[in-house]
Amino acid sequence: MIRPILIHPDPRLKKICDAVDDLSDERRALADDMLQSMYDAPGIGLAAPQVGVLERLIVLDCVKDVDPEPLVMFNPELLHSSDDLNTYEEGCLSIPEQFAEVTRPADVRVAWIDLNGNPQERDFGGLWATCVQHEIDHLNGKLFIDYLGPMKRQMMTRKSQKMKRERARG
């Protein structure tokens, strides 16, 4: 089921999410819905708070067009970040049609629980590293525009508010 994606500003996007304590069928269905919603949007990552669920769950797929490699992460945690940095032009499904360059660690190691309840750990680089950090930020109530200067952040927030109003009018 494709779920509606919250548009900034929405107070739920600024909340710190709760850890997932059990992998119920309902949570697995949520993960599946999130993947469908992400692909439909289209995007390369989606965090549970973006669909109004304040739990530590993210989905991502940075190669969706070639040979899909969907990842579902419950309780993802950054274990290590490199000193080397990368700058990517980031966007966000909750801040549609707006992009800005954000600098983040180039490589990260992440631990998480997979759909079967198994602990996983993996190193990510390049776009995958940027995407997983962006999505984990969502779980901590942080948006990519929080890395920008106040003027640019306000301008993007105003554009987002305007788009949100226009969508509400239908």
N, C-alpha and C. Protein backbone atom coordinates (compact mmCIF):
# COMPACT_ATOMS: atom_id res chain seq x y z
N MET A 1 0.85 -1.18 0.00
CA MET A 1 0.00 0.00 0.00
C MET A 1 0.89 1.25 0.00
N ILE A 2 0.61 2.15 -0.89
CA ILE A 2 1.37 3.40 -0.94
C ILE A 2 0.80 4.34 0.12
N ARG A 3 1.70 4.83 0.96
CA ARG A 3 1.29 5.72 2.06
C ARG A 3 1.62 7.17 1.70
N PRO A 4 0.81 8.11 2.17
CA PRO A 4 1.13 9.52 1.93
C PRO A 4 2.39 9.91 2.71
N ILE A 5 3.20 10.73 2.08
CA ILE A 5 4.45 11.19 2.69
C ILE A 5 4.22 12.59 3.27
N LEU A 6 4.58 12.77 4.53
CA LEU A 6 4.43 14.06 5.20
C LEU A 6 5.31 15.11 4.54
N ILE A 7 4.80 16.32 4.45
CA ILE A 7 5.55 17.43 3.87
C ILE A 7 5.96 18.40 4.99
N HIS A 8 7.22 18.82 4.95
CA HIS A 8 7.77 19.80 5.89
C HIS A 8 7.07 21.14 5.66
N PRO A 9 6.75 21.93 6.66
CA PRO A 9 6.94 21.61 8.07
C PRO A 9 5.78 20.79 8.64
N ASP A 10 6.14 19.76 9.37
CA ASP A 10 5.18 18.92 10.09
C ASP A 10 5.89 18.54 11.38
N PRO A 11 5.27 18.75 12.53
CA PRO A 11 5.96 18.51 13.80
C PRO A 11 6.49 17.07 13.95
N ARG A 12 5.83 16.11 13.30
CA ARG A 12 6.28 14.71 13.41
C ARG A 12 7.66 14.51 12.79
N LEU A 13 8.02 15.36 11.84
CA LEU A 13 9.34 15.23 11.18
C LEU A 13 10.47 15.71 12.07
N LYS A 14 10.15 16.38 13.17
CA LYS A 14 11.17 16.90 14.07
C LYS A 14 11.28 16.10 15.38
N LYS A 15 10.58 14.98 15.44
CA LYS A 15 10.57 14.17 16.66
C LYS A 15 11.63 13.07 16.60
N ILE A 16 12.17 12.73 17.76
CA ILE A 16 13.08 11.59 17.87
C ILE A 16 12.23 10.33 17.97
N CYS A 17 12.57 9.34 17.16
CA CYS A 17 11.74 8.13 17.06
C CYS A 17 12.12 7.08 18.10
N ASP A 18 11.13 6.26 18.44
CA ASP A 18 11.33 5.18 19.41
C ASP A 18 11.95 3.97 18.73
N ALA A 19 12.74 3.22 19.50
CA ALA A 19 13.32 1.97 19.01
C ALA A 19 12.20 0.96 18.75
N VAL A 20 12.42 0.12 17.77
CA VAL A 20 11.48 -0.97 17.47
C VAL A 20 11.85 -2.14 18.38
N ASP A 21 10.89 -2.58 19.20
CA ASP A 21 11.22 -3.63 20.17
C ASP A 21 10.83 -5.03 19.71
N ASP A 22 9.96 -5.15 18.72
CA ASP A 22 9.65 -6.48 18.18
C ASP A 22 9.24 -6.33 16.72
N LEU A 23 9.54 -7.36 15.96
CA LEU A 23 9.25 -7.32 14.53
C LEU A 23 7.94 -8.06 14.24
N SER A 24 6.86 -7.38 14.49
CA SER A 24 5.54 -7.95 14.24
C SER A 24 5.26 -7.97 12.74
N ASP A 25 4.23 -8.72 12.36
CA ASP A 25 3.80 -8.74 10.96
C ASP A 25 3.38 -7.34 10.52
N GLU A 26 2.80 -6.58 11.45
CA GLU A 26 2.39 -5.21 11.16
C GLU A 26 3.59 -4.33 10.78
N ARG A 27 4.70 -4.51 11.49
CA ARG A 27 5.91 -3.72 11.19
C ARG A 27 6.54 -4.16 9.87
N ARG A 28 6.49 -5.46 9.58
CA ARG A 28 7.01 -5.94 8.29
C ARG A 28 6.15 -5.38 7.15
N ALA A 29 4.84 -5.31 7.36
CA ALA A 29 3.94 -4.74 6.36
C ALA A 29 4.24 -3.24 6.18
N LEU A 30 4.52 -2.55 7.28
CA LEU A 30 4.90 -1.14 7.21
C LEU A 30 6.15 -0.98 6.35
N ALA A 31 7.15 -1.84 6.57
CA ALA A 31 8.39 -1.77 5.78
C ALA A 31 8.09 -1.96 4.29
N ASP A 32 7.22 -2.92 3.98
CA ASP A 32 6.84 -3.17 2.59
C ASP A 32 6.11 -1.95 2.01
N ASP A 33 5.19 -1.38 2.78
CA ASP A 33 4.47 -0.18 2.34
C ASP A 33 5.46 0.97 2.08
N MET A 34 6.45 1.09 2.96
CA MET A 34 7.42 2.17 2.81
C MET A 34 8.25 1.99 1.54
N LEU A 35 8.64 0.75 1.24
CA LEU A 35 9.38 0.51 -0.01
C LEU A 35 8.51 0.89 -1.21
N GLN A 36 7.26 0.44 -1.21
CA GLN A 36 6.36 0.79 -2.31
C GLN A 36 6.20 2.30 -2.44
N SER A 37 6.05 2.98 -1.31
CA SER A 37 5.87 4.43 -1.30
C SER A 37 7.12 5.13 -1.81
N MET A 38 8.30 4.63 -1.41
CA MET A 38 9.57 5.21 -1.84
C MET A 38 9.74 5.06 -3.34
N TYR A 39 9.50 3.85 -3.87
CA TYR A 39 9.65 3.63 -5.31
C TYR A 39 8.65 4.46 -6.09
N ASP A 40 7.43 4.60 -5.57
CA ASP A 40 6.38 5.34 -6.25
C ASP A 40 6.69 6.84 -6.29
N ALA A 41 7.38 7.37 -5.28
CA ALA A 41 7.52 8.82 -5.11
C ALA A 41 8.17 9.58 -6.29
N PRO A 42 9.23 9.21 -6.94
CA PRO A 42 10.21 8.18 -6.64
C PRO A 42 11.35 8.75 -5.79
N GLY A 43 11.91 7.88 -4.95
CA GLY A 43 13.04 8.28 -4.11
C GLY A 43 13.98 7.12 -3.90
N ILE A 44 15.07 7.38 -3.16
CA ILE A 44 16.04 6.32 -2.88
C ILE A 44 16.09 5.97 -1.40
N GLY A 45 15.31 6.67 -0.59
CA GLY A 45 15.26 6.38 0.83
C GLY A 45 14.00 6.95 1.44
N LEU A 46 13.55 6.33 2.53
CA LEU A 46 12.36 6.80 3.24
C LEU A 46 12.46 6.34 4.69
N ALA A 47 12.12 7.23 5.60
CA ALA A 47 12.14 6.92 7.02
C ALA A 47 10.71 6.89 7.55
N ALA A 48 10.46 6.03 8.54
CA ALA A 48 9.11 5.87 9.09
C ALA A 48 8.44 7.18 9.49
N PRO A 49 9.15 8.14 10.11
CA PRO A 49 8.45 9.38 10.47
C PRO A 49 7.91 10.13 9.24
N GLN A 50 8.46 9.88 8.07
CA GLN A 50 7.96 10.55 6.87
C GLN A 50 6.58 10.05 6.46
N VAL A 51 6.19 8.87 6.99
CA VAL A 51 4.83 8.37 6.75
C VAL A 51 4.03 8.41 8.06
N GLY A 52 4.51 9.22 9.02
CA GLY A 52 3.76 9.47 10.24
C GLY A 52 3.93 8.43 11.33
N VAL A 53 4.92 7.52 11.20
CA VAL A 53 5.16 6.49 12.21
C VAL A 53 6.47 6.82 12.91
N LEU A 54 6.38 7.11 14.21
CA LEU A 54 7.56 7.57 14.95
C LEU A 54 8.35 6.40 15.54
N GLU A 55 8.84 5.55 14.64
CA GLU A 55 9.64 4.38 15.01
C GLU A 55 10.91 4.37 14.18
N ARG A 56 11.95 3.70 14.71
CA ARG A 56 13.26 3.66 14.07
C ARG A 56 13.29 2.60 12.96
N LEU A 57 12.79 2.99 11.80
CA LEU A 57 12.74 2.12 10.63
C LEU A 57 13.02 2.97 9.40
N ILE A 58 13.97 2.50 8.57
CA ILE A 58 14.25 3.17 7.30
C ILE A 58 14.31 2.13 6.19
N VAL A 59 14.04 2.58 4.98
CA VAL A 59 14.21 1.75 3.79
C VAL A 59 15.03 2.56 2.79
N LEU A 60 15.85 1.87 2.00
CA LEU A 60 16.61 2.56 0.98
C LEU A 60 16.95 1.62 -0.17
N ASP A 61 17.21 2.22 -1.31
CA ASP A 61 17.64 1.49 -2.50
C ASP A 61 18.27 2.50 -3.44
N CYS A 62 19.60 2.52 -3.47
CA CYS A 62 20.31 3.51 -4.28
C CYS A 62 20.58 3.03 -5.70
N VAL A 63 20.15 1.81 -6.05
CA VAL A 63 20.34 1.30 -7.42
C VAL A 63 19.03 0.81 -8.01
N LYS A 64 17.93 1.38 -7.57
CA LYS A 64 16.58 0.89 -7.90
C LYS A 64 16.31 0.75 -9.40
N ASP A 65 16.95 1.57 -10.22
CA ASP A 65 16.66 1.54 -11.65
C ASP A 65 17.40 0.43 -12.38
N VAL A 66 18.54 0.01 -11.86
CA VAL A 66 19.37 -0.98 -12.53
C VAL A 66 18.96 -2.39 -12.09
N ASP A 67 19.35 -2.74 -10.90
CA ASP A 67 19.06 -4.05 -10.33
C ASP A 67 18.68 -3.78 -8.89
N PRO A 68 17.38 -3.65 -8.59
CA PRO A 68 16.97 -3.19 -7.26
C PRO A 68 17.66 -3.94 -6.11
N GLU A 69 18.04 -3.18 -5.11
CA GLU A 69 18.69 -3.73 -3.92
C GLU A 69 18.06 -3.09 -2.69
N PRO A 70 16.77 -3.39 -2.45
CA PRO A 70 16.09 -2.76 -1.32
C PRO A 70 16.67 -3.21 0.02
N LEU A 71 16.88 -2.25 0.90
CA LEU A 71 17.34 -2.54 2.25
C LEU A 71 16.30 -2.04 3.24
N VAL A 72 15.98 -2.87 4.22
CA VAL A 72 15.08 -2.50 5.30
C VAL A 72 15.89 -2.56 6.58
N MET A 73 15.90 -1.47 7.32
CA MET A 73 16.70 -1.38 8.54
C MET A 73 15.84 -0.97 9.73
N PHE A 74 15.73 -1.86 10.69
CA PHE A 74 15.09 -1.53 11.96
C PHE A 74 16.21 -1.14 12.93
N ASN A 75 16.00 -0.07 13.67
CA ASN A 75 16.96 0.43 14.66
C ASN A 75 18.37 0.62 14.08
N PRO A 76 18.49 1.29 12.92
CA PRO A 76 19.83 1.50 12.37
C PRO A 76 20.65 2.42 13.26
N GLU A 77 21.94 2.13 13.31
CA GLU A 77 22.83 2.89 14.18
C GLU A 77 24.17 3.08 13.48
N LEU A 78 24.64 4.31 13.45
CA LEU A 78 25.97 4.59 12.89
C LEU A 78 27.02 4.13 13.89
N LEU A 79 27.89 3.22 13.47
CA LEU A 79 28.95 2.73 14.34
C LEU A 79 30.25 3.49 14.12
N HIS A 80 30.47 3.90 12.87
CA HIS A 80 31.72 4.58 12.53
C HIS A 80 31.49 5.49 11.33
N SER A 81 32.12 6.65 11.37
CA SER A 81 32.09 7.59 10.24
C SER A 81 33.52 7.95 9.88
N SER A 82 33.81 8.00 8.59
CA SER A 82 35.16 8.32 8.14
C SER A 82 35.45 9.81 8.35
N ASP A 83 36.74 10.13 8.39
CA ASP A 83 37.15 11.54 8.43
C ASP A 83 37.00 12.17 7.05
N ASP A 84 37.11 11.34 6.00
CA ASP A 84 36.93 11.84 4.64
C ASP A 84 35.47 12.25 4.44
N LEU A 85 35.29 13.33 3.68
CA LEU A 85 33.94 13.85 3.47
C LEU A 85 33.56 13.79 2.01
N ASN A 86 32.26 13.72 1.76
CA ASN A 86 31.67 13.80 0.42
C ASN A 86 30.59 14.86 0.45
N THR A 87 30.42 15.55 -0.66
CA THR A 87 29.33 16.50 -0.79
C THR A 87 28.43 16.02 -1.91
N TYR A 88 27.15 15.85 -1.59
CA TYR A 88 26.14 15.46 -2.58
C TYR A 88 25.03 16.48 -2.56
N GLU A 89 24.39 16.63 -3.71
CA GLU A 89 23.18 17.44 -3.76
C GLU A 89 22.05 16.55 -3.25
N GLU A 90 21.52 16.90 -2.08
CA GLU A 90 20.48 16.08 -1.46
C GLU A 90 19.11 16.69 -1.69
N GLY A 91 18.14 15.80 -1.72
CA GLY A 91 16.75 16.19 -1.75
C GLY A 91 16.03 15.33 -0.72
N CYS A 92 14.75 15.55 -0.57
CA CYS A 92 13.99 14.80 0.44
C CYS A 92 12.54 14.72 -0.02
N LEU A 93 11.97 13.54 0.12
CA LEU A 93 10.57 13.37 -0.27
C LEU A 93 9.62 14.23 0.57
N SER A 94 10.08 14.65 1.76
CA SER A 94 9.27 15.52 2.61
C SER A 94 9.50 17.00 2.33
N ILE A 95 10.46 17.29 1.45
CA ILE A 95 10.73 18.66 1.01
C ILE A 95 10.83 18.60 -0.51
N PRO A 96 9.69 18.38 -1.17
CA PRO A 96 9.69 18.07 -2.60
C PRO A 96 10.30 19.17 -3.48
N GLU A 97 10.98 18.69 -4.53
CA GLU A 97 11.49 19.55 -5.60
C GLU A 97 12.49 20.59 -5.13
N GLN A 98 13.15 20.34 -4.00
CA GLN A 98 14.17 21.26 -3.50
C GLN A 98 15.42 20.47 -3.17
N PHE A 99 16.56 21.05 -3.54
CA PHE A 99 17.83 20.35 -3.39
C PHE A 99 18.89 21.32 -2.89
N ALA A 100 19.87 20.76 -2.16
CA ALA A 100 20.99 21.57 -1.70
C ALA A 100 22.18 20.64 -1.43
N GLU A 101 23.37 21.20 -1.57
CA GLU A 101 24.56 20.42 -1.30
C GLU A 101 24.76 20.28 0.20
N VAL A 102 25.01 19.03 0.62
CA VAL A 102 25.25 18.72 2.03
C VAL A 102 26.53 17.90 2.10
N THR A 103 27.40 18.25 3.04
CA THR A 103 28.65 17.52 3.24
C THR A 103 28.50 16.59 4.42
N ARG A 104 28.86 15.33 4.19
CA ARG A 104 28.75 14.29 5.23
C ARG A 104 29.98 13.39 5.14
N PRO A 105 30.20 12.54 6.16
CA PRO A 105 31.27 11.55 6.05
C PRO A 105 31.10 10.69 4.80
N ALA A 106 32.22 10.42 4.12
CA ALA A 106 32.19 9.69 2.86
C ALA A 106 31.87 8.21 3.05
N ASP A 107 32.29 7.66 4.18
CA ASP A 107 32.09 6.23 4.45
C ASP A 107 31.57 6.06 5.87
N VAL A 108 30.64 5.13 6.03
CA VAL A 108 30.09 4.85 7.36
C VAL A 108 29.90 3.35 7.54
N ARG A 109 29.91 2.93 8.78
CA ARG A 109 29.54 1.56 9.13
C ARG A 109 28.25 1.65 9.92
N VAL A 110 27.27 0.82 9.53
CA VAL A 110 25.94 0.86 10.14
C VAL A 110 25.57 -0.53 10.64
N ALA A 111 24.96 -0.58 11.82
CA ALA A 111 24.39 -1.82 12.36
C ALA A 111 22.88 -1.65 12.38
N TRP A 112 22.15 -2.74 12.14
CA TRP A 112 20.69 -2.71 12.16
C TRP A 112 20.15 -4.12 12.33
N ILE A 113 18.84 -4.20 12.47
CA ILE A 113 18.13 -5.48 12.52
C ILE A 113 17.38 -5.62 11.20
N ASP A 114 17.51 -6.78 10.54
CA ASP A 114 16.83 -6.97 9.26
C ASP A 114 15.40 -7.46 9.46
N LEU A 115 14.70 -7.69 8.36
CA LEU A 115 13.28 -8.11 8.41
C LEU A 115 13.08 -9.42 9.17
N ASN A 116 14.10 -10.26 9.23
CA ASN A 116 13.99 -11.56 9.92
C ASN A 116 14.45 -11.49 11.37
N GLY A 117 14.78 -10.29 11.83
CA GLY A 117 15.22 -10.13 13.22
C GLY A 117 16.70 -10.40 13.42
N ASN A 118 17.46 -10.53 12.32
CA ASN A 118 18.90 -10.81 12.43
C ASN A 118 19.70 -9.52 12.48
N PRO A 119 20.69 -9.46 13.38
CA PRO A 119 21.57 -8.29 13.40
C PRO A 119 22.44 -8.26 12.15
N GLN A 120 22.59 -7.08 11.57
CA GLN A 120 23.41 -6.89 10.38
C GLN A 120 24.39 -5.75 10.63
N GLU A 121 25.48 -5.77 9.89
CA GLU A 121 26.45 -4.68 9.96
C GLU A 121 27.09 -4.58 8.59
N ARG A 122 27.24 -3.35 8.11
CA ARG A 122 27.80 -3.19 6.76
C ARG A 122 28.44 -1.82 6.62
N ASP A 123 29.46 -1.77 5.77
CA ASP A 123 30.10 -0.51 5.41
C ASP A 123 29.43 0.05 4.17
N PHE A 124 29.20 1.35 4.16
CA PHE A 124 28.60 2.03 3.02
C PHE A 124 29.51 3.16 2.59
N GLY A 125 29.58 3.38 1.27
CA GLY A 125 30.34 4.50 0.72
C GLY A 125 29.51 5.21 -0.33
N GLY A 126 30.01 6.34 -0.78
CA GLY A 126 29.36 7.07 -1.87
C GLY A 126 27.92 7.44 -1.56
N LEU A 127 27.07 7.29 -2.57
CA LEU A 127 25.65 7.66 -2.43
C LEU A 127 24.96 6.86 -1.33
N TRP A 128 25.30 5.57 -1.18
CA TRP A 128 24.70 4.75 -0.12
C TRP A 128 25.00 5.36 1.25
N ALA A 129 26.24 5.80 1.46
CA ALA A 129 26.62 6.40 2.76
C ALA A 129 25.81 7.66 3.02
N THR A 130 25.68 8.50 1.99
CA THR A 130 24.90 9.74 2.13
C THR A 130 23.45 9.41 2.45
N CYS A 131 22.90 8.47 1.70
CA CYS A 131 21.48 8.13 1.87
C CYS A 131 21.19 7.56 3.26
N VAL A 132 22.01 6.62 3.72
CA VAL A 132 21.75 6.01 5.03
C VAL A 132 21.88 7.05 6.15
N GLN A 133 22.83 7.98 6.02
CA GLN A 133 22.97 9.03 7.04
C GLN A 133 21.76 9.98 7.01
N HIS A 134 21.30 10.32 5.80
CA HIS A 134 20.13 11.18 5.64
C HIS A 134 18.91 10.55 6.31
N GLU A 135 18.71 9.25 6.07
CA GLU A 135 17.53 8.56 6.63
C GLU A 135 17.65 8.40 8.15
N ILE A 136 18.83 8.09 8.65
CA ILE A 136 19.02 7.98 10.11
C ILE A 136 18.78 9.35 10.76
N ASP A 137 19.19 10.43 10.08
CA ASP A 137 18.90 11.77 10.60
C ASP A 137 17.40 11.95 10.84
N HIS A 138 16.58 11.46 9.89
CA HIS A 138 15.12 11.57 10.06
C HIS A 138 14.67 10.94 11.38
N LEU A 139 15.29 9.84 11.77
CA LEU A 139 14.89 9.15 13.00
C LEU A 139 15.24 9.96 14.24
N ASN A 140 16.15 10.93 14.05
CA ASN A 140 16.57 11.80 15.14
C ASN A 140 15.98 13.20 15.02
N GLY A 141 14.95 13.34 14.19
CA GLY A 141 14.26 14.61 14.05
C GLY A 141 15.03 15.67 13.28
N LYS A 142 15.96 15.22 12.43
CA LYS A 142 16.81 16.17 11.69
C LYS A 142 16.55 16.03 10.19
N LEU A 143 16.44 17.17 9.51
CA LEU A 143 16.24 17.21 8.06
C LEU A 143 17.51 17.72 7.39
N PHE A 144 17.66 17.42 6.10
CA PHE A 144 18.88 17.86 5.42
C PHE A 144 19.02 19.38 5.41
N ILE A 145 17.90 20.10 5.45
CA ILE A 145 17.99 21.56 5.46
C ILE A 145 18.56 22.09 6.78
N ASP A 146 18.61 21.25 7.81
CA ASP A 146 19.20 21.67 9.08
C ASP A 146 20.72 21.85 8.96
N TYR A 147 21.31 21.34 7.87
CA TYR A 147 22.74 21.51 7.63
C TYR A 147 23.04 22.81 6.89
N LEU A 148 22.00 23.51 6.45
CA LEU A 148 22.17 24.71 5.64
C LEU A 148 22.16 25.96 6.51
N GLY A 149 22.57 27.05 5.93
CA GLY A 149 22.52 28.34 6.63
C GLY A 149 21.07 28.76 6.85
N PRO A 150 20.83 29.67 7.80
CA PRO A 150 19.46 30.05 8.15
C PRO A 150 18.66 30.65 6.99
N MET A 151 19.30 31.45 6.14
CA MET A 151 18.56 32.08 5.03
C MET A 151 18.07 31.02 4.04
N LYS A 152 18.95 30.11 3.65
CA LYS A 152 18.59 29.08 2.67
C LYS A 152 17.54 28.14 3.28
N ARG A 153 17.71 27.81 4.56
CA ARG A 153 16.75 26.93 5.24
C ARG A 153 15.37 27.58 5.28
N GLN A 154 15.29 28.86 5.62
CA GLN A 154 14.00 29.57 5.66
C GLN A 154 13.36 29.63 4.28
N MET A 155 14.16 29.89 3.26
CA MET A 155 13.63 29.97 1.90
C MET A 155 13.03 28.62 1.49
N MET A 156 13.74 27.53 1.79
CA MET A 156 13.25 26.21 1.41
C MET A 156 12.00 25.84 2.22
N THR A 157 11.97 26.24 3.49
CA THR A 157 10.79 25.97 4.32
C THR A 157 9.58 26.72 3.78
N ARG A 158 9.77 27.98 3.36
CA ARG A 158 8.65 28.75 2.81
C ARG A 158 8.12 28.11 1.53
N LYS A 159 9.02 27.67 0.66
CA LYS A 159 8.61 27.01 -0.59
C LYS A 159 7.82 25.75 -0.27
N SER A 160 8.30 25.01 0.72
CA SER A 160 7.63 23.78 1.11
C SER A 160 6.24 24.06 1.69
N GLN A 161 6.13 25.10 2.51
CA GLN A 161 4.83 25.49 3.07
C GLN A 161 3.86 25.85 1.96
N LYS A 162 4.34 26.60 0.97
CA LYS A 162 3.50 27.01 -0.15
C LYS A 162 3.01 25.77 -0.92
N MET A 163 3.91 24.83 -1.19
CA MET A 163 3.54 23.61 -1.91
C MET A 163 2.53 22.81 -1.11
N LYS A 164 2.73 22.76 0.19
CA LYS A 164 1.81 22.03 1.08
C LYS A 164 0.41 22.63 1.02
N ARG A 165 0.32 23.96 1.05
CA ARG A 165 -0.98 24.64 0.94
C ARG A 165 -1.64 24.35 -0.40
N GLU A 166 -0.85 24.43 -1.48
CA GLU A 166 -1.40 24.17 -2.81
C GLU A 166 -1.92 22.75 -2.93
N ARG A 167 -1.19 21.80 -2.37
CA ARG A 167 -1.64 20.39 -2.42
C ARG A 167 -2.91 20.20 -1.60
N ALA A 168 -3.02 20.92 -0.48
CA ALA A 168 -4.20 20.79 0.38
C ALA A 168 -5.46 21.31 -0.33
N ARG A 169 -5.26 22.32 -1.17
CA ARG A 169 -6.39 22.88 -1.91
C ARG A 169 -6.85 21.92 -3.02
N GLY A 170 -5.91 21.05 -3.43
CA GLY A 170 -6.24 20.06 -4.45
C GLY A 170 -6.17 20.65 -5.81
